[in-house]
Amino acid sequence: MTAFNSLLALALLFFIAHVFLLFTSFGKSGYQKLRYFYSHLTLWICGGLLFLLAVLYAGKNESAVLDVFDTAGKQLLIPAIVVVLSLTAHTIVRFLVIPKFQLDKK
């Protein structure tokens, strides 16, 4: 397995872990703060791996998608998108999901 495939597989695994942890952070037992933090952490790691892939392989015909990120400015869009996704998810959870759990406890 090449380094490219290994990094891509790791990014995919971290994204799957992110989705799993995010959806299991809320349930019958309530809001699980640590699991929710880990869901964000896995998203950030996934974004870091994608950024690394773009830095190492953009413009080298390894992936048509990565070839789009052929400049430093475009590569910096990856962590920027991860930050926006993380802040958006956190805002939704803070103002829509957590209040629902607080209402269910009453």
N, C-alpha and C. Protein backbone atom coordinates (compact mmCIF):
# COMPACT_ATOMS: atom_id res chain seq x y z
N MET A 1 0.85 -1.18 0.00
CA MET A 1 0.00 0.00 0.00
C MET A 1 0.90 1.24 0.00
N THR A 2 0.61 2.17 -0.87
CA THR A 2 1.42 3.38 -0.97
C THR A 2 1.10 4.33 0.18
N ALA A 3 1.96 5.32 0.37
CA ALA A 3 1.73 6.32 1.40
C ALA A 3 0.45 7.10 1.11
N PHE A 4 0.20 7.37 -0.16
CA PHE A 4 -1.02 8.07 -0.55
C PHE A 4 -2.25 7.29 -0.12
N ASN A 5 -2.28 6.02 -0.44
CA ASN A 5 -3.43 5.18 -0.07
C ASN A 5 -3.57 5.05 1.44
N SER A 6 -2.46 4.97 2.14
CA SER A 6 -2.50 4.87 3.60
C SER A 6 -3.08 6.14 4.22
N LEU A 7 -2.63 7.29 3.76
CA LEU A 7 -3.15 8.55 4.29
C LEU A 7 -4.63 8.72 3.96
N LEU A 8 -5.00 8.32 2.75
CA LEU A 8 -6.40 8.41 2.34
C LEU A 8 -7.27 7.49 3.20
N ALA A 9 -6.79 6.27 3.45
CA ALA A 9 -7.53 5.33 4.29
C ALA A 9 -7.66 5.86 5.71
N LEU A 10 -6.59 6.44 6.24
CA LEU A 10 -6.64 7.03 7.59
C LEU A 10 -7.65 8.17 7.66
N ALA A 11 -7.64 9.04 6.64
CA ALA A 11 -8.59 10.15 6.60
C ALA A 11 -10.01 9.62 6.58
N LEU A 12 -10.26 8.60 5.79
CA LEU A 12 -11.60 8.00 5.71
C LEU A 12 -12.00 7.39 7.06
N LEU A 13 -11.08 6.68 7.70
CA LEU A 13 -11.38 6.08 9.01
C LEU A 13 -11.69 7.15 10.06
N PHE A 14 -10.92 8.22 10.05
CA PHE A 14 -11.18 9.29 11.02
C PHE A 14 -12.52 9.97 10.73
N PHE A 15 -12.89 10.10 9.46
CA PHE A 15 -14.19 10.70 9.14
C PHE A 15 -15.32 9.78 9.60
N ILE A 16 -15.18 8.49 9.37
CA ILE A 16 -16.21 7.53 9.82
C ILE A 16 -16.31 7.56 11.34
N ALA A 17 -15.16 7.62 12.02
CA ALA A 17 -15.16 7.72 13.49
C ALA A 17 -15.84 9.01 13.93
N HIS A 18 -15.61 10.09 13.21
CA HIS A 18 -16.24 11.37 13.52
C HIS A 18 -17.76 11.24 13.47
N VAL A 19 -18.27 10.69 12.39
CA VAL A 19 -19.71 10.56 12.22
C VAL A 19 -20.29 9.66 13.31
N PHE A 20 -19.63 8.53 13.57
CA PHE A 20 -20.10 7.60 14.61
C PHE A 20 -20.13 8.28 15.97
N LEU A 21 -19.04 8.94 16.33
CA LEU A 21 -18.97 9.60 17.64
C LEU A 21 -19.97 10.73 17.76
N LEU A 22 -20.17 11.46 16.67
CA LEU A 22 -21.13 12.56 16.70
C LEU A 22 -22.54 12.06 16.96
N PHE A 23 -22.95 11.04 16.22
CA PHE A 23 -24.31 10.54 16.37
C PHE A 23 -24.53 9.78 17.68
N THR A 24 -23.47 9.23 18.25
CA THR A 24 -23.64 8.51 19.51
C THR A 24 -23.37 9.40 20.73
N SER A 25 -23.09 10.68 20.50
CA SER A 25 -22.90 11.61 21.61
C SER A 25 -24.22 11.99 22.27
N PHE A 26 -25.30 11.71 21.59
CA PHE A 26 -26.63 12.07 22.08
C PHE A 26 -27.51 10.84 22.04
N GLY A 27 -28.10 10.52 23.16
CA GLY A 27 -28.97 9.35 23.19
C GLY A 27 -29.78 9.31 24.46
N LYS A 28 -30.24 8.12 24.78
CA LYS A 28 -31.08 7.94 25.97
C LYS A 28 -30.37 8.34 27.25
N SER A 29 -29.05 8.14 27.26
CA SER A 29 -28.29 8.50 28.46
C SER A 29 -27.94 9.98 28.49
N GLY A 30 -28.39 10.75 27.50
CA GLY A 30 -28.16 12.18 27.49
C GLY A 30 -26.98 12.57 26.63
N TYR A 31 -26.53 13.77 26.87
CA TYR A 31 -25.43 14.37 26.12
C TYR A 31 -24.11 13.92 26.73
N GLN A 32 -23.26 13.29 25.93
CA GLN A 32 -21.96 12.81 26.40
C GLN A 32 -20.87 13.76 25.89
N LYS A 33 -20.46 14.64 26.78
CA LYS A 33 -19.56 15.72 26.43
C LYS A 33 -18.21 15.23 25.90
N LEU A 34 -17.61 14.23 26.52
CA LEU A 34 -16.30 13.74 26.10
C LEU A 34 -16.38 13.09 24.72
N ARG A 35 -17.43 12.31 24.48
CA ARG A 35 -17.60 11.68 23.17
C ARG A 35 -17.81 12.75 22.10
N TYR A 36 -18.54 13.80 22.44
CA TYR A 36 -18.77 14.89 21.51
C TYR A 36 -17.44 15.59 21.19
N PHE A 37 -16.59 15.79 22.21
CA PHE A 37 -15.26 16.37 21.97
C PHE A 37 -14.45 15.48 21.04
N TYR A 38 -14.47 14.18 21.28
CA TYR A 38 -13.73 13.25 20.41
C TYR A 38 -14.26 13.28 18.99
N SER A 39 -15.55 13.52 18.82
CA SER A 39 -16.08 13.61 17.46
C SER A 39 -15.47 14.82 16.74
N HIS A 40 -15.32 15.93 17.45
CA HIS A 40 -14.66 17.10 16.86
C HIS A 40 -13.19 16.81 16.60
N LEU A 41 -12.54 16.17 17.54
CA LEU A 41 -11.12 15.86 17.39
C LEU A 41 -10.88 14.99 16.15
N THR A 42 -11.72 13.99 15.95
CA THR A 42 -11.54 13.12 14.77
C THR A 42 -11.80 13.89 13.48
N LEU A 43 -12.72 14.86 13.50
CA LEU A 43 -12.94 15.70 12.32
C LEU A 43 -11.70 16.54 12.04
N TRP A 44 -11.10 17.11 13.07
CA TRP A 44 -9.90 17.93 12.89
C TRP A 44 -8.74 17.09 12.37
N ILE A 45 -8.60 15.87 12.89
CA ILE A 45 -7.53 14.98 12.42
C ILE A 45 -7.76 14.62 10.95
N CYS A 46 -9.00 14.32 10.60
CA CYS A 46 -9.34 14.03 9.21
C CYS A 46 -8.98 15.21 8.31
N GLY A 47 -9.33 16.41 8.74
CA GLY A 47 -8.99 17.61 7.97
C GLY A 47 -7.49 17.79 7.84
N GLY A 48 -6.77 17.51 8.92
CA GLY A 48 -5.31 17.60 8.87
C GLY A 48 -4.71 16.61 7.90
N LEU A 49 -5.25 15.41 7.88
CA LEU A 49 -4.77 14.39 6.94
C LEU A 49 -5.09 14.79 5.49
N LEU A 50 -6.27 15.34 5.27
CA LEU A 50 -6.62 15.80 3.92
C LEU A 50 -5.72 16.95 3.48
N PHE A 51 -5.41 17.85 4.42
CA PHE A 51 -4.49 18.95 4.12
C PHE A 51 -3.11 18.40 3.76
N LEU A 52 -2.64 17.44 4.54
CA LEU A 52 -1.35 16.81 4.26
C LEU A 52 -1.35 16.14 2.89
N LEU A 53 -2.42 15.44 2.58
CA LEU A 53 -2.54 14.81 1.26
C LEU A 53 -2.45 15.87 0.16
N ALA A 54 -3.14 16.99 0.34
CA ALA A 54 -3.12 18.04 -0.67
C ALA A 54 -1.72 18.64 -0.82
N VAL A 55 -1.05 18.86 0.30
CA VAL A 55 0.29 19.43 0.25
C VAL A 55 1.25 18.48 -0.47
N LEU A 56 1.13 17.20 -0.17
CA LEU A 56 2.08 16.23 -0.72
C LEU A 56 1.76 15.80 -2.15
N TYR A 57 0.47 15.75 -2.51
CA TYR A 57 0.11 15.11 -3.77
C TYR A 57 -0.64 15.98 -4.77
N ALA A 58 -0.98 17.21 -4.45
CA ALA A 58 -1.69 18.07 -5.41
C ALA A 58 -0.80 18.33 -6.62
N GLY A 59 -1.36 18.18 -7.80
CA GLY A 59 -0.62 18.42 -9.03
C GLY A 59 0.26 17.28 -9.48
N LYS A 60 0.17 16.14 -8.80
CA LYS A 60 1.01 14.99 -9.15
C LYS A 60 0.22 13.85 -9.78
N ASN A 61 -1.00 14.14 -10.18
CA ASN A 61 -1.87 13.17 -10.86
C ASN A 61 -2.15 11.91 -10.06
N GLU A 62 -2.13 12.03 -8.73
CA GLU A 62 -2.53 10.91 -7.87
C GLU A 62 -4.05 10.88 -7.74
N SER A 63 -4.65 12.06 -7.71
CA SER A 63 -6.09 12.18 -7.54
C SER A 63 -6.56 13.46 -8.23
N ALA A 64 -7.61 13.32 -9.04
CA ALA A 64 -8.15 14.50 -9.72
C ALA A 64 -8.69 15.51 -8.71
N VAL A 65 -9.24 15.01 -7.61
CA VAL A 65 -9.77 15.91 -6.58
C VAL A 65 -8.63 16.69 -5.92
N LEU A 66 -7.57 16.00 -5.55
CA LEU A 66 -6.45 16.67 -4.90
C LEU A 66 -5.73 17.63 -5.84
N ASP A 67 -5.75 17.34 -7.13
CA ASP A 67 -5.09 18.22 -8.09
C ASP A 67 -5.73 19.61 -8.14
N VAL A 68 -6.97 19.72 -7.67
CA VAL A 68 -7.63 21.02 -7.60
C VAL A 68 -6.91 21.92 -6.60
N PHE A 69 -6.35 21.34 -5.55
CA PHE A 69 -5.69 22.10 -4.48
C PHE A 69 -4.20 22.28 -4.78
N ASP A 70 -3.90 22.87 -5.93
CA ASP A 70 -2.52 22.96 -6.41
C ASP A 70 -1.78 24.22 -5.97
N THR A 71 -2.42 25.08 -5.20
CA THR A 71 -1.73 26.26 -4.66
C THR A 71 -1.91 26.28 -3.14
N ALA A 72 -1.04 27.03 -2.49
CA ALA A 72 -1.11 27.12 -1.02
C ALA A 72 -2.44 27.71 -0.58
N GLY A 73 -2.94 28.69 -1.32
CA GLY A 73 -4.22 29.30 -0.97
C GLY A 73 -5.36 28.31 -1.03
N LYS A 74 -5.37 27.50 -2.06
CA LYS A 74 -6.42 26.47 -2.18
C LYS A 74 -6.25 25.41 -1.10
N GLN A 75 -5.02 25.08 -0.76
CA GLN A 75 -4.78 24.08 0.28
C GLN A 75 -5.24 24.58 1.64
N LEU A 76 -5.09 25.86 1.88
CA LEU A 76 -5.54 26.43 3.16
C LEU A 76 -7.06 26.45 3.28
N LEU A 77 -7.75 26.27 2.16
CA LEU A 77 -9.20 26.15 2.22
C LEU A 77 -9.63 24.89 2.98
N ILE A 78 -8.81 23.86 2.96
CA ILE A 78 -9.17 22.61 3.64
C ILE A 78 -9.31 22.84 5.14
N PRO A 79 -8.29 23.34 5.85
CA PRO A 79 -8.49 23.58 7.29
C PRO A 79 -9.57 24.63 7.55
N ALA A 80 -9.71 25.61 6.64
CA ALA A 80 -10.76 26.62 6.82
C ALA A 80 -12.14 25.97 6.78
N ILE A 81 -12.34 25.05 5.85
CA ILE A 81 -13.62 24.34 5.75
C ILE A 81 -13.86 23.49 6.99
N VAL A 82 -12.80 22.85 7.49
CA VAL A 82 -12.94 22.04 8.70
C VAL A 82 -13.35 22.91 9.88
N VAL A 83 -12.76 24.09 10.01
CA VAL A 83 -13.12 25.00 11.10
C VAL A 83 -14.58 25.44 10.96
N VAL A 84 -14.99 25.78 9.74
CA VAL A 84 -16.38 26.21 9.51
C VAL A 84 -17.34 25.07 9.84
N LEU A 85 -17.02 23.85 9.39
CA LEU A 85 -17.88 22.69 9.70
C LEU A 85 -17.97 22.46 11.20
N SER A 86 -16.84 22.54 11.87
CA SER A 86 -16.81 22.31 13.30
C SER A 86 -17.61 23.37 14.05
N LEU A 87 -17.43 24.63 13.69
CA LEU A 87 -18.18 25.71 14.34
C LEU A 87 -19.68 25.62 14.04
N THR A 88 -20.02 25.25 12.82
CA THR A 88 -21.43 25.09 12.46
C THR A 88 -22.07 23.97 13.27
N ALA A 89 -21.39 22.83 13.33
CA ALA A 89 -21.92 21.71 14.10
C ALA A 89 -22.05 22.08 15.57
N HIS A 90 -21.03 22.75 16.11
CA HIS A 90 -21.07 23.13 17.52
C HIS A 90 -22.22 24.09 17.79
N THR A 91 -22.45 25.02 16.88
CA THR A 91 -23.55 25.97 17.05
C THR A 91 -24.90 25.27 17.02
N ILE A 92 -25.08 24.36 16.08
CA ILE A 92 -26.33 23.60 15.99
C ILE A 92 -26.56 22.80 17.26
N VAL A 93 -25.52 22.12 17.72
CA VAL A 93 -25.66 21.31 18.94
C VAL A 93 -25.96 22.19 20.14
N ARG A 94 -25.25 23.29 20.25
CA ARG A 94 -25.41 24.15 21.42
C ARG A 94 -26.80 24.79 21.50
N PHE A 95 -27.32 25.23 20.36
CA PHE A 95 -28.57 25.98 20.39
C PHE A 95 -29.81 25.16 20.02
N LEU A 96 -29.65 24.01 19.40
CA LEU A 96 -30.81 23.21 19.02
C LEU A 96 -30.88 21.87 19.72
N VAL A 97 -29.76 21.17 19.80
CA VAL A 97 -29.79 19.80 20.34
C VAL A 97 -29.76 19.79 21.86
N ILE A 98 -28.81 20.50 22.46
CA ILE A 98 -28.70 20.49 23.93
C ILE A 98 -29.96 21.03 24.60
N PRO A 99 -30.56 22.12 24.12
CA PRO A 99 -31.80 22.57 24.74
C PRO A 99 -32.90 21.50 24.67
N LYS A 100 -32.92 20.71 23.62
CA LYS A 100 -33.91 19.64 23.52
C LYS A 100 -33.68 18.60 24.61
N PHE A 101 -32.43 18.26 24.89
CA PHE A 101 -32.13 17.30 25.95
C PHE A 101 -32.47 17.87 27.32
N GLN A 102 -32.29 19.18 27.49
CA GLN A 102 -32.65 19.79 28.76
C GLN A 102 -34.15 19.79 28.96
N LEU A 103 -34.93 19.98 27.90
CA LEU A 103 -36.38 19.94 27.99
C LEU A 103 -36.88 18.53 28.29
N ASP A 104 -36.20 17.53 27.71
CA ASP A 104 -36.61 16.13 27.95
C ASP A 104 -36.38 15.71 29.39
N LYS A 105 -35.42 16.31 30.08
CA LYS A 105 -35.13 15.95 31.46
C LYS A 105 -36.16 16.51 32.41
N LYS A 106 -36.87 17.56 32.01
CA LYS A 106 -37.84 18.20 32.91
C LYS A 106 -39.13 17.44 32.95
